[in-house]
Amino acid sequence: GHAGGGRFDGAVMALVALIDTAVYPVVFSAYATNLFPLTYWSAYGLQLAFIAVAFLVNASGTAVTDRFSQLLQVLTLVPVVAYVVAAFFANSATIGESKQLLQ
């Protein structure tokens, strides 16, 4: 490599992480707006709360961040598992009705 390449790569990765991280509160509040009626200011407050929680978790150290990451993974997988289990118990009439709706 060339001199200083590692610093450039690190700077680019930091910029990517900064932009990438800034997207999550917006996506979260947009999703929450679909579930609950949120005004502009309540969505903004939700975004600030999201950022505060993320900051506190990350500032608490790697052990806390690791546990929080595991919790989020479980919370993300629970709906997927629930849908898969529900699909096994769905009867063929329900599946047929779903196919008709899609046509």
N, C-alpha and C. Protein backbone atom coordinates (compact mmCIF):
# COMPACT_ATOMS: atom_id res chain seq x y z
N GLY A 1 0.82 -1.18 0.00
CA GLY A 1 0.00 0.00 0.00
C GLY A 1 0.87 1.24 0.00
N HIS A 2 0.21 2.34 -0.02
CA HIS A 2 0.90 3.62 -0.03
C HIS A 2 0.84 4.25 1.36
N ALA A 3 1.72 5.21 1.56
CA ALA A 3 1.80 5.84 2.88
C ALA A 3 0.49 6.59 3.18
N GLY A 4 0.01 6.41 4.38
CA GLY A 4 -1.19 7.12 4.81
C GLY A 4 -2.49 6.45 4.39
N GLY A 5 -2.42 5.34 3.68
CA GLY A 5 -3.62 4.65 3.20
C GLY A 5 -4.52 4.18 4.32
N GLY A 6 -3.91 3.74 5.41
CA GLY A 6 -4.70 3.27 6.55
C GLY A 6 -5.50 4.39 7.19
N ARG A 7 -4.90 5.56 7.26
CA ARG A 7 -5.62 6.71 7.84
C ARG A 7 -6.80 7.10 6.96
N PHE A 8 -6.60 7.06 5.63
CA PHE A 8 -7.68 7.39 4.72
C PHE A 8 -8.81 6.38 4.84
N ASP A 9 -8.46 5.10 4.87
CA ASP A 9 -9.48 4.05 5.03
C ASP A 9 -10.25 4.23 6.33
N GLY A 10 -9.55 4.54 7.39
CA GLY A 10 -10.20 4.77 8.67
C GLY A 10 -11.13 5.96 8.64
N ALA A 11 -10.71 7.03 7.96
CA ALA A 11 -11.54 8.23 7.86
C ALA A 11 -12.79 7.95 7.04
N VAL A 12 -12.64 7.20 5.96
CA VAL A 12 -13.80 6.84 5.13
C VAL A 12 -14.76 5.97 5.93
N MET A 13 -14.24 5.00 6.65
CA MET A 13 -15.10 4.13 7.45
C MET A 13 -15.81 4.91 8.55
N ALA A 14 -15.14 5.87 9.15
CA ALA A 14 -15.78 6.70 10.17
C ALA A 14 -16.90 7.53 9.55
N LEU A 15 -16.68 8.07 8.36
CA LEU A 15 -17.71 8.83 7.67
C LEU A 15 -18.91 7.95 7.31
N VAL A 16 -18.64 6.77 6.81
CA VAL A 16 -19.70 5.82 6.47
C VAL A 16 -20.49 5.46 7.72
N ALA A 17 -19.81 5.19 8.82
CA ALA A 17 -20.49 4.84 10.07
C ALA A 17 -21.34 6.00 10.57
N LEU A 18 -20.83 7.22 10.45
CA LEU A 18 -21.57 8.39 10.88
C LEU A 18 -22.87 8.55 10.08
N ILE A 19 -22.77 8.44 8.77
CA ILE A 19 -23.95 8.57 7.91
C ILE A 19 -24.90 7.41 8.13
N ASP A 20 -24.36 6.21 8.19
CA ASP A 20 -25.17 5.01 8.38
C ASP A 20 -25.92 5.08 9.71
N THR A 21 -25.24 5.49 10.75
CA THR A 21 -25.85 5.58 12.07
C THR A 21 -26.92 6.66 12.12
N ALA A 22 -26.76 7.72 11.36
CA ALA A 22 -27.74 8.81 11.35
C ALA A 22 -29.06 8.38 10.71
N VAL A 23 -29.04 7.34 9.90
CA VAL A 23 -30.24 6.89 9.21
C VAL A 23 -31.18 6.13 10.16
N TYR A 24 -30.63 5.39 11.12
CA TYR A 24 -31.45 4.52 11.97
C TYR A 24 -32.54 5.25 12.75
N PRO A 25 -32.27 6.38 13.39
CA PRO A 25 -33.36 7.06 14.12
C PRO A 25 -34.49 7.51 13.19
N VAL A 26 -34.15 7.93 11.99
CA VAL A 26 -35.17 8.38 11.04
C VAL A 26 -36.03 7.20 10.59
N VAL A 27 -35.39 6.09 10.27
CA VAL A 27 -36.12 4.90 9.84
C VAL A 27 -37.01 4.40 10.98
N PHE A 28 -36.48 4.40 12.20
CA PHE A 28 -37.25 3.95 13.36
C PHE A 28 -38.48 4.82 13.58
N SER A 29 -38.31 6.13 13.51
CA SER A 29 -39.46 7.02 13.74
C SER A 29 -40.46 6.93 12.59
N ALA A 30 -39.99 6.71 11.37
CA ALA A 30 -40.91 6.53 10.24
C ALA A 30 -41.73 5.26 10.43
N TYR A 31 -41.09 4.20 10.89
CA TYR A 31 -41.81 2.96 11.16
C TYR A 31 -42.82 3.16 12.30
N ALA A 32 -42.40 3.84 13.35
CA ALA A 32 -43.29 4.09 14.49
C ALA A 32 -44.48 4.96 14.07
N THR A 33 -44.27 5.87 13.13
CA THR A 33 -45.36 6.72 12.64
C THR A 33 -46.43 5.89 11.94
N ASN A 34 -46.03 4.79 11.33
CA ASN A 34 -47.01 3.89 10.71
C ASN A 34 -47.81 3.13 11.75
N LEU A 35 -47.25 2.93 12.93
CA LEU A 35 -47.94 2.20 14.00
C LEU A 35 -48.77 3.10 14.89
N PHE A 36 -48.27 4.29 15.16
CA PHE A 36 -48.91 5.23 16.08
C PHE A 36 -48.98 6.60 15.42
N PRO A 37 -50.03 7.35 15.71
CA PRO A 37 -50.09 8.71 15.15
C PRO A 37 -49.08 9.62 15.86
N LEU A 38 -48.02 9.98 15.16
CA LEU A 38 -46.99 10.85 15.73
C LEU A 38 -46.97 12.18 14.99
N THR A 39 -46.88 13.24 15.74
CA THR A 39 -46.70 14.55 15.12
C THR A 39 -45.23 14.70 14.75
N TYR A 40 -44.92 15.77 14.05
CA TYR A 40 -43.53 16.04 13.69
C TYR A 40 -42.64 16.09 14.94
N TRP A 41 -43.11 16.81 15.97
CA TRP A 41 -42.29 17.00 17.16
C TRP A 41 -42.19 15.73 17.99
N SER A 42 -43.24 14.91 18.02
CA SER A 42 -43.13 13.66 18.77
C SER A 42 -42.21 12.68 18.05
N ALA A 43 -42.23 12.69 16.72
CA ALA A 43 -41.29 11.86 15.95
C ALA A 43 -39.86 12.34 16.18
N TYR A 44 -39.68 13.66 16.23
CA TYR A 44 -38.36 14.24 16.50
C TYR A 44 -37.88 13.84 17.90
N GLY A 45 -38.78 13.90 18.87
CA GLY A 45 -38.44 13.47 20.23
C GLY A 45 -38.08 11.99 20.28
N LEU A 46 -38.79 11.18 19.51
CA LEU A 46 -38.49 9.74 19.45
C LEU A 46 -37.10 9.52 18.85
N GLN A 47 -36.75 10.31 17.84
CA GLN A 47 -35.42 10.21 17.25
C GLN A 47 -34.34 10.59 18.26
N LEU A 48 -34.58 11.66 19.01
CA LEU A 48 -33.62 12.06 20.04
C LEU A 48 -33.47 10.99 21.12
N ALA A 49 -34.59 10.39 21.52
CA ALA A 49 -34.54 9.32 22.51
C ALA A 49 -33.76 8.12 21.97
N PHE A 50 -33.96 7.80 20.71
CA PHE A 50 -33.23 6.70 20.06
C PHE A 50 -31.73 6.97 20.10
N ILE A 51 -31.35 8.20 19.74
CA ILE A 51 -29.94 8.57 19.75
C ILE A 51 -29.37 8.52 21.17
N ALA A 52 -30.15 8.99 22.15
CA ALA A 52 -29.68 8.98 23.54
C ALA A 52 -29.47 7.56 24.04
N VAL A 53 -30.40 6.67 23.73
CA VAL A 53 -30.26 5.26 24.15
C VAL A 53 -29.04 4.64 23.48
N ALA A 54 -28.87 4.89 22.18
CA ALA A 54 -27.71 4.34 21.46
C ALA A 54 -26.41 4.87 22.06
N PHE A 55 -26.38 6.16 22.38
CA PHE A 55 -25.19 6.74 22.99
C PHE A 55 -24.90 6.11 24.34
N LEU A 56 -25.93 6.00 25.18
CA LEU A 56 -25.73 5.44 26.52
C LEU A 56 -25.27 3.98 26.47
N VAL A 57 -25.86 3.22 25.56
CA VAL A 57 -25.46 1.81 25.42
C VAL A 57 -24.00 1.73 24.99
N ASN A 58 -23.63 2.50 23.97
CA ASN A 58 -22.25 2.45 23.47
C ASN A 58 -21.26 3.01 24.48
N ALA A 59 -21.66 4.04 25.22
CA ALA A 59 -20.76 4.64 26.21
C ALA A 59 -20.60 3.76 27.44
N SER A 60 -21.49 2.79 27.62
CA SER A 60 -21.43 1.91 28.79
C SER A 60 -20.39 0.81 28.67
N GLY A 61 -19.81 0.66 27.51
CA GLY A 61 -18.76 -0.33 27.34
C GLY A 61 -19.18 -1.49 26.46
N THR A 62 -18.21 -2.31 26.14
CA THR A 62 -18.46 -3.39 25.19
C THR A 62 -19.38 -4.47 25.74
N ALA A 63 -19.31 -4.75 27.03
CA ALA A 63 -20.17 -5.80 27.60
C ALA A 63 -21.64 -5.41 27.48
N VAL A 64 -21.96 -4.16 27.81
CA VAL A 64 -23.35 -3.69 27.72
C VAL A 64 -23.78 -3.65 26.26
N THR A 65 -22.92 -3.17 25.39
CA THR A 65 -23.24 -3.11 23.96
C THR A 65 -23.49 -4.51 23.42
N ASP A 66 -22.69 -5.47 23.84
CA ASP A 66 -22.86 -6.85 23.40
C ASP A 66 -24.21 -7.40 23.85
N ARG A 67 -24.56 -7.20 25.10
CA ARG A 67 -25.85 -7.68 25.63
C ARG A 67 -27.03 -7.01 24.92
N PHE A 68 -26.93 -5.71 24.71
CA PHE A 68 -28.00 -4.97 24.03
C PHE A 68 -28.14 -5.46 22.59
N SER A 69 -27.03 -5.73 21.92
CA SER A 69 -27.06 -6.26 20.57
C SER A 69 -27.75 -7.62 20.53
N GLN A 70 -27.45 -8.46 21.51
CA GLN A 70 -28.11 -9.77 21.59
C GLN A 70 -29.61 -9.62 21.81
N LEU A 71 -30.00 -8.69 22.66
CA LEU A 71 -31.42 -8.43 22.91
C LEU A 71 -32.12 -7.99 21.63
N LEU A 72 -31.50 -7.09 20.89
CA LEU A 72 -32.10 -6.63 19.63
C LEU A 72 -32.20 -7.76 18.61
N GLN A 73 -31.22 -8.65 18.60
CA GLN A 73 -31.29 -9.79 17.70
C GLN A 73 -32.48 -10.68 18.03
N VAL A 74 -32.69 -10.94 19.30
CA VAL A 74 -33.82 -11.77 19.72
C VAL A 74 -35.13 -11.07 19.36
N LEU A 75 -35.24 -9.78 19.66
CA LEU A 75 -36.45 -9.04 19.35
C LEU A 75 -36.74 -9.00 17.85
N THR A 76 -35.70 -9.03 17.05
CA THR A 76 -35.86 -9.04 15.60
C THR A 76 -36.30 -10.41 15.10
N LEU A 77 -35.78 -11.47 15.72
CA LEU A 77 -36.10 -12.82 15.27
C LEU A 77 -37.47 -13.32 15.73
N VAL A 78 -37.98 -12.81 16.85
CA VAL A 78 -39.25 -13.30 17.39
C VAL A 78 -40.38 -13.19 16.36
N PRO A 79 -40.59 -12.06 15.70
CA PRO A 79 -41.68 -12.02 14.72
C PRO A 79 -41.48 -12.99 13.55
N VAL A 80 -40.24 -13.17 13.12
CA VAL A 80 -39.96 -14.09 12.02
C VAL A 80 -40.32 -15.51 12.44
N VAL A 81 -39.90 -15.91 13.62
CA VAL A 81 -40.21 -17.24 14.12
C VAL A 81 -41.72 -17.41 14.28
N ALA A 82 -42.39 -16.36 14.78
CA ALA A 82 -43.85 -16.43 14.96
C ALA A 82 -44.54 -16.64 13.61
N TYR A 83 -44.10 -15.95 12.57
CA TYR A 83 -44.70 -16.14 11.25
C TYR A 83 -44.45 -17.54 10.71
N VAL A 84 -43.26 -18.06 10.90
CA VAL A 84 -42.96 -19.41 10.42
C VAL A 84 -43.82 -20.43 11.16
N VAL A 85 -43.93 -20.31 12.47
CA VAL A 85 -44.75 -21.23 13.25
C VAL A 85 -46.21 -21.10 12.84
N ALA A 86 -46.69 -19.88 12.65
CA ALA A 86 -48.07 -19.67 12.23
C ALA A 86 -48.33 -20.30 10.86
N ALA A 87 -47.34 -20.26 9.99
CA ALA A 87 -47.50 -20.86 8.66
C ALA A 87 -47.69 -22.37 8.75
N PHE A 88 -47.03 -23.01 9.70
CA PHE A 88 -47.20 -24.45 9.87
C PHE A 88 -48.61 -24.81 10.34
N PHE A 89 -49.24 -23.91 11.08
CA PHE A 89 -50.56 -24.18 11.62
C PHE A 89 -51.68 -23.61 10.74
N ALA A 90 -51.32 -22.90 9.68
CA ALA A 90 -52.34 -22.36 8.78
C ALA A 90 -52.97 -23.50 7.99
N ASN A 91 -54.28 -23.49 7.87
CA ASN A 91 -54.91 -24.56 7.08
C ASN A 91 -54.90 -24.18 5.61
N SER A 92 -55.16 -25.15 4.77
CA SER A 92 -55.06 -24.93 3.32
C SER A 92 -56.09 -23.92 2.83
N ALA A 93 -57.26 -23.82 3.47
CA ALA A 93 -58.26 -22.84 3.05
C ALA A 93 -57.72 -21.43 3.24
N THR A 94 -57.06 -21.18 4.34
CA THR A 94 -56.49 -19.86 4.59
C THR A 94 -55.41 -19.54 3.56
N ILE A 95 -54.61 -20.54 3.23
CA ILE A 95 -53.56 -20.33 2.23
C ILE A 95 -54.19 -20.06 0.87
N GLY A 96 -55.25 -20.78 0.53
CA GLY A 96 -55.95 -20.55 -0.74
C GLY A 96 -56.53 -19.15 -0.82
N GLU A 97 -57.11 -18.68 0.30
CA GLU A 97 -57.66 -17.33 0.32
C GLU A 97 -56.54 -16.30 0.13
N SER A 98 -55.39 -16.56 0.72
CA SER A 98 -54.27 -15.63 0.58
C SER A 98 -53.81 -15.57 -0.88
N LYS A 99 -53.78 -16.72 -1.53
CA LYS A 99 -53.35 -16.74 -2.94
C LYS A 99 -54.35 -15.98 -3.80
N GLN A 100 -55.64 -16.09 -3.51
CA GLN A 100 -56.65 -15.37 -4.29
C GLN A 100 -56.49 -13.86 -4.11
N LEU A 101 -56.14 -13.44 -2.91
CA LEU A 101 -55.96 -12.01 -2.65
C LEU A 101 -54.78 -11.45 -3.45
N LEU A 102 -53.77 -12.28 -3.67
CA LEU A 102 -52.58 -11.82 -4.36
C LEU A 102 -52.76 -11.76 -5.87
N GLN A 103 -53.79 -12.43 -6.39
CA GLN A 103 -54.00 -12.47 -7.85
C GLN A 103 -54.72 -11.27 -8.36
